Amino acid sequence: MSWHIPDDLRERYLQGTLEPAPAMSVDAHLGGCADCRAALPYDTGWLEASWARLETELIRPRPSLAERFLRHGGVPDHLARLLSATPTMSLAWLAAVVAVLAFAVLAARQQAELLPAFLIVAPVLPPAGIALAYGPRVDPAHELMAATPMSGPRLLLTRATAVLAVAVVLAAIASPLLPAPPGLSAAWLLPALAAAAGCLALSNRLPVPTAALAVGGVWLAIVGTGRFTGTWLTAFGPAPQIGYAAAALLLTYRFYRVSTR
């Protein structure tokens, strides 16, 4: 090939009639020769539209279904993008939570004495979700987020709120399926709130996964103590429910005060 692409070769290239080898040679030459690129006719409008589409795909990717849903619900754009990228919003985590709740519900419907299985499992889901939603070991974007204004306690609280909302909604959907009065079916709610608040409060001193494990251990100890002093349902009585509500408020306040120092 000459220093510049001959007219006849350029015409055949534009018509698409060149054999593969010469066409690849022309491509390679065009990549390094501005004069030959300028000699190729092009539609200005088409080129600008093509660049605009490319920019949209690379710089402003199309929002996911979860992100669009959150935006329609009034969530600000930056929070909707953050929440939709939360690891625990993934289908795998949601499927696992649904499977655990479904198993507990089916067990309780088969044998009423297994009802406590659901009540014991439901409060553990929020701390587990929080542990999976925050930290360098579970979040591929953790280092990137650490350099933004949303890092630290604010990011943890935002993601914990998302996790808690998802877990509570799924457990609330499952509760009416239980063979129990409505009051007992909802007895997991205050323990779940207290467990999530406890995980947040402990995260000021411990890694989030460790805090979640500690809260889970405390909850199982409470349930076990109730079993030894009476029945499994002792931990879900009126007096313990008041304690869970007070603990949730105090622990949330504690987390807020420490985080805003």
C-alpha atoms as a PDB file:
ATOM      1  CA  MET A   1       0.000   0.000   0.000  1.00  0.00           C
ATOM      2  CA  SER A   2       1.197   3.543  -0.796  1.00  0.00           C
ATOM      3  CA  TRP A   3       1.696   6.240   1.833  1.00  0.00           C
ATOM      4  CA  HIS A   4      -1.980   7.220   1.462  1.00  0.00           C
ATOM      5  CA  ILE A   5      -4.972   5.078   0.489  1.00  0.00           C
ATOM      6  CA  PRO A   6      -5.616   5.258  -3.290  1.00  0.00           C
ATOM      7  CA  ASP A   7      -9.029   6.509  -4.411  1.00  0.00           C
ATOM      8  CA  ASP A   8     -10.134   3.207  -5.916  1.00  0.00           C
ATOM      9  CA  LEU A   9      -9.150   1.264  -2.796  1.00  0.00           C
ATOM     10  CA  ARG A  10     -10.940   3.796  -0.620  1.00  0.00           C
ATOM     11  CA  GLU A  11     -14.118   3.464  -2.698  1.00  0.00           C
ATOM     12  CA  ARG A  12     -14.081  -0.321  -2.447  1.00  0.00           C
ATOM     13  CA  TYR A  13     -13.456  -0.041   1.288  1.00  0.00           C
ATOM     14  CA  LEU A  14     -16.466   2.249   1.690  1.00  0.00           C
ATOM     15  CA  GLN A  15     -18.631  -0.054  -0.420  1.00  0.00           C
ATOM     16  CA  GLY A  16     -17.595  -3.054   1.664  1.00  0.00           C
ATOM     17  CA  THR A  17     -16.285  -5.053  -1.276  1.00  0.00           C
ATOM     18  CA  LEU A  18     -12.670  -5.380  -0.103  1.00  0.00           C
ATOM     19  CA  GLU A  19     -11.340  -8.770   0.871  1.00  0.00           C
ATOM     20  CA  PRO A  20     -10.686  -9.233   4.626  1.00  0.00           C
ATOM     21  CA  ALA A  21      -6.895  -8.858   4.433  1.00  0.00           C
ATOM     22  CA  PRO A  22      -6.844  -5.542   2.480  1.00  0.00           C
ATOM     23  CA  ALA A  23      -9.735  -4.233   4.600  1.00  0.00           C
ATOM     24  CA  MET A  24      -7.727  -4.906   7.775  1.00  0.00           C
ATOM     25  CA  SER A  25      -4.736  -3.121   6.255  1.00  0.00           C
ATOM     26  CA  VAL A  26      -6.894  -0.090   5.455  1.00  0.00           C
ATOM     27  CA  ASP A  27      -8.245  -0.122   9.016  1.00  0.00           C
ATOM     28  CA  ALA A  28      -4.717  -0.176  10.415  1.00  0.00           C
ATOM     29  CA  HIS A  29      -3.625   2.671   8.135  1.00  0.00           C
ATOM     30  CA  LEU A  30      -6.637   4.824   9.028  1.00  0.00           C
ATOM     31  CA  GLY A  31      -5.779   4.469  12.686  1.00  0.00           C
ATOM     32  CA  GLY A  32      -2.496   6.315  12.176  1.00  0.00           C
ATOM     33  CA  CYS A  33      -3.189   8.628   9.238  1.00  0.00           C
ATOM     34  CA  ALA A  34      -5.303  11.703   9.924  1.00  0.00           C
ATOM     35  CA  ASP A  35      -5.264  12.788   6.259  1.00  0.00           C
ATOM     36  CA  CYS A  36      -6.826   9.542   5.078  1.00  0.00           C
ATOM     37  CA  ARG A  37      -9.394   9.638   7.864  1.00  0.00           C
ATOM     38  CA  ALA A  38     -10.334  13.174   6.821  1.00  0.00           C
ATOM     39  CA  ALA A  39     -10.788  11.975   3.227  1.00  0.00           C
ATOM     40  CA  LEU A  40     -13.494   9.523   4.275  1.00  0.00           C
ATOM     41  CA  PRO A  41     -16.995  10.965   3.938  1.00  0.00           C
ATOM     42  CA  TYR A  42     -19.218  10.774   7.027  1.00  0.00           C
ATOM     43  CA  ASP A  43     -22.562  12.058   8.240  1.00  0.00           C
ATOM     44  CA  THR A  44     -21.956  14.651  10.977  1.00  0.00           C
ATOM     45  CA  GLY A  45     -25.337  14.055  12.633  1.00  0.00           C
ATOM     46  CA  TRP A  46     -24.862  10.287  12.651  1.00  0.00           C
ATOM     47  CA  LEU A  47     -21.391  10.628  14.167  1.00  0.00           C
ATOM     48  CA  GLU A  48     -22.587  12.947  16.936  1.00  0.00           C
ATOM     49  CA  ALA A  49     -25.520  10.663  17.732  1.00  0.00           C
ATOM     50  CA  SER A  50     -23.192   7.652  17.870  1.00  0.00           C
ATOM     51  CA  TRP A  51     -20.856   9.387  20.299  1.00  0.00           C
ATOM     52  CA  ALA A  52     -23.832  10.458  22.423  1.00  0.00           C
ATOM     53  CA  ARG A  53     -25.080   6.860  22.631  1.00  0.00           C
ATOM     54  CA  LEU A  54     -21.602   5.644  23.536  1.00  0.00           C
ATOM     55  CA  GLU A  55     -21.258   8.296  26.232  1.00  0.00           C
ATOM     56  CA  THR A  56     -24.643   7.343  27.676  1.00  0.00           C
ATOM     57  CA  GLU A  57     -23.681   3.670  27.942  1.00  0.00           C
ATOM     58  CA  LEU A  58     -20.214   4.262  29.414  1.00  0.00           C
ATOM     59  CA  ILE A  59     -20.663   7.322  31.621  1.00  0.00           C
ATOM     60  CA  ARG A  60     -24.352   7.185  32.475  1.00  0.00           C
ATOM     61  CA  PRO A  61     -25.320   3.501  32.491  1.00  0.00           C
ATOM     62  CA  ARG A  62     -28.996   2.601  32.386  1.00  0.00           C
ATOM     63  CA  PRO A  63     -30.476   2.410  35.900  1.00  0.00           C
ATOM     64  CA  SER A  64     -31.336  -1.050  37.167  1.00  0.00           C
ATOM     65  CA  LEU A  65     -34.902  -2.106  37.947  1.00  0.00           C
ATOM     66  CA  ALA A  66     -34.296  -1.653  41.699  1.00  0.00           C
ATOM     67  CA  GLU A  67     -32.868   1.823  41.145  1.00  0.00           C
ATOM     68  CA  ARG A  68     -35.807   2.913  38.996  1.00  0.00           C
ATOM     69  CA  PHE A  69     -38.243   1.558  41.593  1.00  0.00           C
ATOM     70  CA  LEU A  70     -36.531   3.514  44.374  1.00  0.00           C
ATOM     71  CA  ARG A  71     -36.539   6.705  42.304  1.00  0.00           C
ATOM     72  CA  HIS A  72     -40.252   6.379  41.619  1.00  0.00           C
ATOM     73  CA  GLY A  73     -40.724   5.972  45.361  1.00  0.00           C
ATOM     74  CA  GLY A  74     -39.166   9.390  45.973  1.00  0.00           C
ATOM     75  CA  VAL A  75     -35.661   8.284  46.943  1.00  0.00           C
ATOM     76  CA  PRO A  76     -33.005  10.803  45.756  1.00  0.00           C
ATOM     77  CA  ASP A  77     -31.003   9.709  42.730  1.00  0.00           C
ATOM     78  CA  HIS A  78     -27.674   9.327  44.554  1.00  0.00           C
ATOM     79  CA  LEU A  79     -29.233   7.239  47.339  1.00  0.00           C
ATOM     80  CA  ALA A  80     -31.163   5.124  44.833  1.00  0.00           C
ATOM     81  CA  ARG A  81     -27.912   4.356  42.995  1.00  0.00           C
ATOM     82  CA  LEU A  82     -26.164   3.536  46.286  1.00  0.00           C
ATOM     83  CA  LEU A  83     -28.935   1.291  47.603  1.00  0.00           C
ATOM     84  CA  SER A  84     -29.333  -0.571  44.315  1.00  0.00           C
ATOM     85  CA  ALA A  85     -25.607  -1.382  44.486  1.00  0.00           C
ATOM     86  CA  THR A  86     -25.822  -2.667  48.066  1.00  0.00           C
ATOM     87  CA  PRO A  87     -24.635  -6.314  48.118  1.00  0.00           C
ATOM     88  CA  THR A  88     -27.652  -7.441  50.142  1.00  0.00           C
ATOM     89  CA  MET A  89     -30.005  -6.095  47.493  1.00  0.00           C
ATOM     90  CA  SER A  90     -28.713  -8.867  45.233  1.00  0.00           C
ATOM     91  CA  LEU A  91     -31.004 -11.651  44.104  1.00  0.00           C
ATOM     92  CA  ALA A  92     -28.846 -14.231  45.893  1.00  0.00           C
ATOM     93  CA  TRP A  93     -29.388 -12.638  49.309  1.00  0.00           C
ATOM     94  CA  LEU A  94     -33.081 -12.066  48.702  1.00  0.00           C
ATOM     95  CA  ALA A  95     -33.508 -15.676  47.579  1.00  0.00           C
ATOM     96  CA  ALA A  96     -31.710 -16.900  50.704  1.00  0.00           C
ATOM     97  CA  VAL A  97     -33.936 -14.825  53.003  1.00  0.00           C
ATOM     98  CA  VAL A  98     -37.077 -16.019  51.223  1.00  0.00           C
ATOM     99  CA  ALA A  99     -35.900 -19.635  51.466  1.00  0.00           C
ATOM    100  CA  VAL A 100     -35.194 -19.343  55.212  1.00  0.00           C
ATOM    101  CA  LEU A 101     -38.562 -17.726  55.925  1.00  0.00           C
ATOM    102  CA  ALA A 102     -40.413 -20.208  53.715  1.00  0.00           C
ATOM    103  CA  PHE A 103     -38.776 -23.128  55.508  1.00  0.00           C
ATOM    104  CA  ALA A 104     -39.721 -21.691  58.910  1.00  0.00           C
ATOM    105  CA  VAL A 105     -43.324 -21.074  57.818  1.00  0.00           C
ATOM    106  CA  LEU A 106     -43.713 -24.551  56.336  1.00  0.00           C
ATOM    107  CA  ALA A 107     -42.262 -26.125  59.478  1.00  0.00           C
ATOM    108  CA  ALA A 108     -44.676 -24.180  61.696  1.00  0.00           C
ATOM    109  CA  ARG A 109     -47.670 -25.114  59.532  1.00  0.00           C
ATOM    110  CA  GLN A 110     -46.740 -28.765  59.613  1.00  0.00           C
ATOM    111  CA  GLN A 111     -46.242 -28.786  63.371  1.00  0.00           C
ATOM    112  CA  ALA A 112     -47.520 -25.895  65.456  1.00  0.00           C
ATOM    113  CA  GLU A 113     -44.870 -26.498  68.103  1.00  0.00           C
ATOM    114  CA  LEU A 114     -42.269 -25.408  65.545  1.00  0.00           C
ATOM    115  CA  LEU A 115     -43.730 -21.889  65.406  1.00  0.00           C
ATOM    116  CA  PRO A 116     -40.846 -20.523  67.539  1.00  0.00           C
ATOM    117  CA  ALA A 117     -38.481 -21.476  64.683  1.00  0.00           C
ATOM    118  CA  PHE A 118     -39.888 -18.608  62.639  1.00  0.00           C
ATOM    119  CA  LEU A 119     -39.893 -16.182  65.562  1.00  0.00           C
ATOM    120  CA  ILE A 120     -36.274 -17.040  66.376  1.00  0.00           C
ATOM    121  CA  VAL A 121     -34.983 -16.835  62.801  1.00  0.00           C
ATOM    122  CA  ALA A 122     -36.663 -13.577  61.718  1.00  0.00           C
ATOM    123  CA  PRO A 123     -34.797 -11.241  64.136  1.00  0.00           C
ATOM    124  CA  VAL A 124     -31.428 -12.686  63.056  1.00  0.00           C
ATOM    125  CA  LEU A 125     -31.912 -11.697  59.405  1.00  0.00           C
ATOM    126  CA  PRO A 126     -31.246  -7.921  59.752  1.00  0.00           C
ATOM    127  CA  PRO A 127     -27.860  -8.281  61.542  1.00  0.00           C
ATOM    128  CA  ALA A 128     -26.818 -10.923  59.012  1.00  0.00           C
ATOM    129  CA  GLY A 129     -27.816  -8.626  56.173  1.00  0.00           C
ATOM    130  CA  ILE A 130     -25.962  -5.669  57.693  1.00  0.00           C
ATOM    131  CA  ALA A 131     -22.823  -7.789  57.991  1.00  0.00           C
ATOM    132  CA  LEU A 132     -23.117  -8.680  54.309  1.00  0.00           C
ATOM    133  CA  ALA A 133     -23.802  -5.089  53.220  1.00  0.00           C
ATOM    134  CA  TYR A 134     -20.780  -3.282  54.594  1.00  0.00           C
ATOM    135  CA  GLY A 135     -17.044  -3.822  54.684  1.00  0.00           C
ATOM    136  CA  PRO A 136     -14.114  -4.461  52.323  1.00  0.00           C
ATOM    137  CA  ARG A 137     -14.569  -8.239  52.411  1.00  0.00           C
ATOM    138  CA  VAL A 138     -18.128  -8.225  51.092  1.00  0.00           C
ATOM    139  CA  ASP A 139     -18.461  -4.993  49.101  1.00  0.00           C
ATOM    140  CA  PRO A 140     -16.351  -4.746  45.911  1.00  0.00           C
ATOM    141  CA  ALA A 141     -16.861  -0.958  45.896  1.00  0.00           C
ATOM    142  CA  HIS A 142     -15.928  -0.426  49.555  1.00  0.00           C
ATOM    143  CA  GLU A 143     -12.583   1.248  48.855  1.00  0.00           C
ATOM    144  CA  LEU A 144     -14.193   3.512  46.278  1.00  0.00           C
ATOM    145  CA  MET A 145     -17.021   4.455  48.642  1.00  0.00           C
ATOM    146  CA  ALA A 146     -14.516   5.146  51.439  1.00  0.00           C
ATOM    147  CA  ALA A 147     -13.310   8.200  49.520  1.00  0.00           C
ATOM    148  CA  THR A 148     -16.791   9.728  49.204  1.00  0.00           C
ATOM    149  CA  PRO A 149     -18.882  11.859  51.609  1.00  0.00           C
ATOM    150  CA  MET A 150     -21.146   8.807  52.095  1.00  0.00           C
ATOM    151  CA  SER A 151     -18.398   6.762  53.744  1.00  0.00           C
ATOM    152  CA  GLY A 152     -18.260   5.635  57.359  1.00  0.00           C
ATOM    153  CA  PRO A 153     -21.277   5.625  59.695  1.00  0.00           C
ATOM    154  CA  ARG A 154     -23.542   7.361  57.175  1.00  0.00           C
ATOM    155  CA  LEU A 155     -23.005   4.627  54.591  1.00  0.00           C
ATOM    156  CA  LEU A 156     -23.408   1.912  57.228  1.00  0.00           C
ATOM    157  CA  LEU A 157     -26.652   3.429  58.502  1.00  0.00           C
ATOM    158  CA  THR A 158     -28.010   3.875  54.966  1.00  0.00           C
ATOM    159  CA  ARG A 159     -27.331   0.294  53.998  1.00  0.00           C
ATOM    160  CA  ALA A 160     -28.518  -1.028  57.356  1.00  0.00           C
ATOM    161  CA  THR A 161     -31.811   0.791  56.848  1.00  0.00           C
ATOM    162  CA  ALA A 162     -32.180  -0.794  53.411  1.00  0.00           C
ATOM    163  CA  VAL A 163     -31.398  -4.252  54.793  1.00  0.00           C
ATOM    164  CA  LEU A 164     -33.800  -3.825  57.707  1.00  0.00           C
ATOM    165  CA  ALA A 165     -36.587  -2.638  55.412  1.00  0.00           C
ATOM    166  CA  VAL A 166     -36.167  -5.615  53.072  1.00  0.00           C
ATOM    167  CA  ALA A 167     -35.999  -8.154  55.920  1.00  0.00           C
ATOM    168  CA  VAL A 168     -39.000  -6.658  57.733  1.00  0.00           C
ATOM    169  CA  VAL A 169     -41.125  -6.552  54.576  1.00  0.00           C
ATOM    170  CA  LEU A 170     -40.347 -10.174  53.696  1.00  0.00           C
ATOM    171  CA  ALA A 171     -40.986 -11.372  57.257  1.00  0.00           C
ATOM    172  CA  ALA A 172     -44.225  -9.356  57.389  1.00  0.00           C
ATOM    173  CA  ILE A 173     -45.409 -11.049  54.196  1.00  0.00           C
ATOM    174  CA  ALA A 174     -44.664 -14.438  55.727  1.00  0.00           C
ATOM    175  CA  SER A 175     -46.272 -13.719  59.119  1.00  0.00           C
ATOM    176  CA  PRO A 176     -49.961 -14.085  58.035  1.00  0.00           C
ATOM    177  CA  LEU A 177     -49.137 -17.589  56.786  1.00  0.00           C
ATOM    178  CA  LEU A 178     -48.265 -18.746  60.288  1.00  0.00           C
ATOM    179  CA  PRO A 179     -50.762 -20.840  62.287  1.00  0.00           C
ATOM    180  CA  ALA A 180     -50.841 -18.281  65.105  1.00  0.00           C
ATOM    181  CA  PRO A 181     -52.821 -15.214  66.225  1.00  0.00           C
ATOM    182  CA  PRO A 182     -51.761 -11.925  64.540  1.00  0.00           C
ATOM    183  CA  GLY A 183     -50.148 -10.610  67.732  1.00  0.00           C
ATOM    184  CA  LEU A 184     -47.903 -13.650  68.078  1.00  0.00           C
ATOM    185  CA  SER A 185     -47.130 -13.735  64.350  1.00  0.00           C
ATOM    186  CA  ALA A 186     -45.688 -10.209  64.624  1.00  0.00           C
ATOM    187  CA  ALA A 187     -43.745 -10.879  67.827  1.00  0.00           C
ATOM    188  CA  TRP A 188     -40.475 -10.979  65.865  1.00  0.00           C
ATOM    189  CA  LEU A 189     -40.632  -7.289  64.840  1.00  0.00           C
ATOM    190  CA  LEU A 190     -39.326  -5.562  67.990  1.00  0.00           C
ATOM    191  CA  PRO A 191     -36.542  -8.144  68.510  1.00  0.00           C
ATOM    192  CA  ALA A 192     -35.509  -7.584  64.882  1.00  0.00           C
ATOM    193  CA  LEU A 193     -35.346  -3.818  65.400  1.00  0.00           C
ATOM    194  CA  ALA A 194     -33.353  -4.274  68.607  1.00  0.00           C
ATOM    195  CA  ALA A 195     -30.956  -6.714  66.904  1.00  0.00           C
ATOM    196  CA  ALA A 196     -30.317  -4.300  64.018  1.00  0.00           C
ATOM    197  CA  ALA A 197     -29.760  -1.407  66.434  1.00  0.00           C
ATOM    198  CA  GLY A 198     -27.415  -3.553  68.513  1.00  0.00           C
ATOM    199  CA  CYS A 199     -25.382  -4.464  65.435  1.00  0.00           C
ATOM    200  CA  LEU A 200     -25.029  -0.773  64.545  1.00  0.00           C
ATOM    201  CA  ALA A 201     -24.056   0.209  68.087  1.00  0.00           C
ATOM    202  CA  LEU A 202     -21.403  -2.512  68.358  1.00  0.00           C
ATOM    203  CA  SER A 203     -20.001  -1.595  64.928  1.00  0.00           C
ATOM    204  CA  ASN A 204     -18.475   1.507  66.534  1.00  0.00           C
ATOM    205  CA  ARG A 205     -16.091  -0.788  68.406  1.00  0.00           C
ATOM    206  CA  LEU A 206     -16.058  -4.048  66.441  1.00  0.00           C
ATOM    207  CA  PRO A 207     -15.933  -5.039  62.760  1.00  0.00           C
ATOM    208  CA  VAL A 208     -19.461  -5.277  61.394  1.00  0.00           C
ATOM    209  CA  PRO A 209     -19.413  -9.090  60.867  1.00  0.00           C
ATOM    210  CA  THR A 210     -18.168  -9.583  64.434  1.00  0.00           C
ATOM    211  CA  ALA A 211     -20.867  -7.236  65.736  1.00  0.00           C
ATOM    212  CA  ALA A 212     -23.521  -9.204  63.839  1.00  0.00           C
ATOM    213  CA  LEU A 213     -22.263 -12.500  65.286  1.00  0.00           C
ATOM    214  CA  ALA A 214     -22.248 -11.019  68.797  1.00  0.00           C
ATOM    215  CA  VAL A 215     -25.828  -9.783  68.445  1.00  0.00           C
ATOM    216  CA  GLY A 216     -26.925 -13.148  67.086  1.00  0.00           C
ATOM    217  CA  GLY A 217     -25.290 -14.888  70.039  1.00  0.00           C
ATOM    218  CA  VAL A 218     -27.006 -12.580  72.527  1.00  0.00           C
ATOM    219  CA  TRP A 219     -30.369 -13.205  70.869  1.00  0.00           C
ATOM    220  CA  LEU A 220     -29.942 -16.978  70.988  1.00  0.00           C
ATOM    221  CA  ALA A 221     -28.911 -16.684  74.658  1.00  0.00           C
ATOM    222  CA  ILE A 222     -32.097 -14.718  75.403  1.00  0.00           C
ATOM    223  CA  VAL A 223     -34.244 -17.322  73.663  1.00  0.00           C
ATOM    224  CA  GLY A 224     -32.403 -20.165  75.378  1.00  0.00           C
ATOM    225  CA  THR A 225     -32.838 -18.572  78.788  1.00  0.00           C
ATOM    226  CA  GLY A 226     -36.560 -18.217  78.126  1.00  0.00           C
ATOM    227  CA  ARG A 227     -36.738 -21.887  77.181  1.00  0.00           C
ATOM    228  CA  PHE A 228     -35.091 -22.987  80.411  1.00  0.00           C
ATOM    229  CA  THR A 229     -37.294 -20.764  82.563  1.00  0.00           C
ATOM    230  CA  GLY A 230     -40.551 -21.611  80.819  1.00  0.00           C
ATOM    231  CA  THR A 231     -41.198 -22.080  77.088  1.00  0.00           C
ATOM    232  CA  TRP A 232     -39.707 -20.803  73.852  1.00  0.00           C
ATOM    233  CA  LEU A 233     -42.409 -18.148  73.763  1.00  0.00           C
ATOM    234  CA  THR A 234     -41.246 -16.620  77.047  1.00  0.00           C
ATOM    235  CA  ALA A 235     -38.809 -14.434  75.098  1.00  0.00           C
ATOM    236  CA  PHE A 236     -41.744 -13.005  73.115  1.00  0.00           C
ATOM    237  CA  GLY A 237     -43.986 -12.060  76.025  1.00  0.00           C
ATOM    238  CA  PRO A 238     -45.227  -8.503  76.796  1.00  0.00           C
ATOM    239  CA  ALA A 239     -42.441  -7.602  79.233  1.00  0.00           C
ATOM    240  CA  PRO A 240     -39.609  -8.706  76.898  1.00  0.00           C
ATOM    241  CA  GLN A 241     -41.268  -6.832  74.014  1.00  0.00           C
ATOM    242  CA  ILE A 242     -41.111  -3.611  76.039  1.00  0.00           C
ATOM    243  CA  GLY A 243     -37.447  -4.351  76.689  1.00  0.00           C
ATOM    244  CA  TYR A 244     -36.746  -4.861  72.986  1.00  0.00           C
ATOM    245  CA  ALA A 245     -38.419  -1.557  72.117  1.00  0.00           C
ATOM    246  CA  ALA A 246     -36.425   0.315  74.760  1.00  0.00           C
ATOM    247  CA  ALA A 247     -33.198  -1.378  73.663  1.00  0.00           C
ATOM    248  CA  ALA A 248     -33.816  -0.474  70.019  1.00  0.00           C
ATOM    249  CA  LEU A 249     -34.324   3.198  70.899  1.00  0.00           C
ATOM    250  CA  LEU A 250     -31.338   3.408  73.253  1.00  0.00           C
ATOM    251  CA  LEU A 251     -28.942   1.554  70.939  1.00  0.00           C
ATOM    252  CA  THR A 252     -29.971   3.625  67.915  1.00  0.00           C
ATOM    253  CA  TYR A 253     -29.445   6.799  69.938  1.00  0.00           C
ATOM    254  CA  ARG A 254     -26.069   5.495  71.087  1.00  0.00           C
ATOM    255  CA  PHE A 255     -24.973   4.784  67.524  1.00  0.00           C
ATOM    256  CA  TYR A 256     -26.103   8.248  66.409  1.00  0.00           C
ATOM    257  CA  ARG A 257     -24.269  10.041  69.228  1.00  0.00           C
ATOM    258  CA  VAL A 258     -21.001   8.165  68.703  1.00  0.00           C
ATOM    259  CA  SER A 259     -21.166   8.529  64.926  1.00  0.00           C
ATOM    260  CA  THR A 260     -21.708  12.292  65.021  1.00  0.00           C
ATOM    261  CA  ARG A 261     -18.853  13.130  67.377  1.00  0.00           C
END
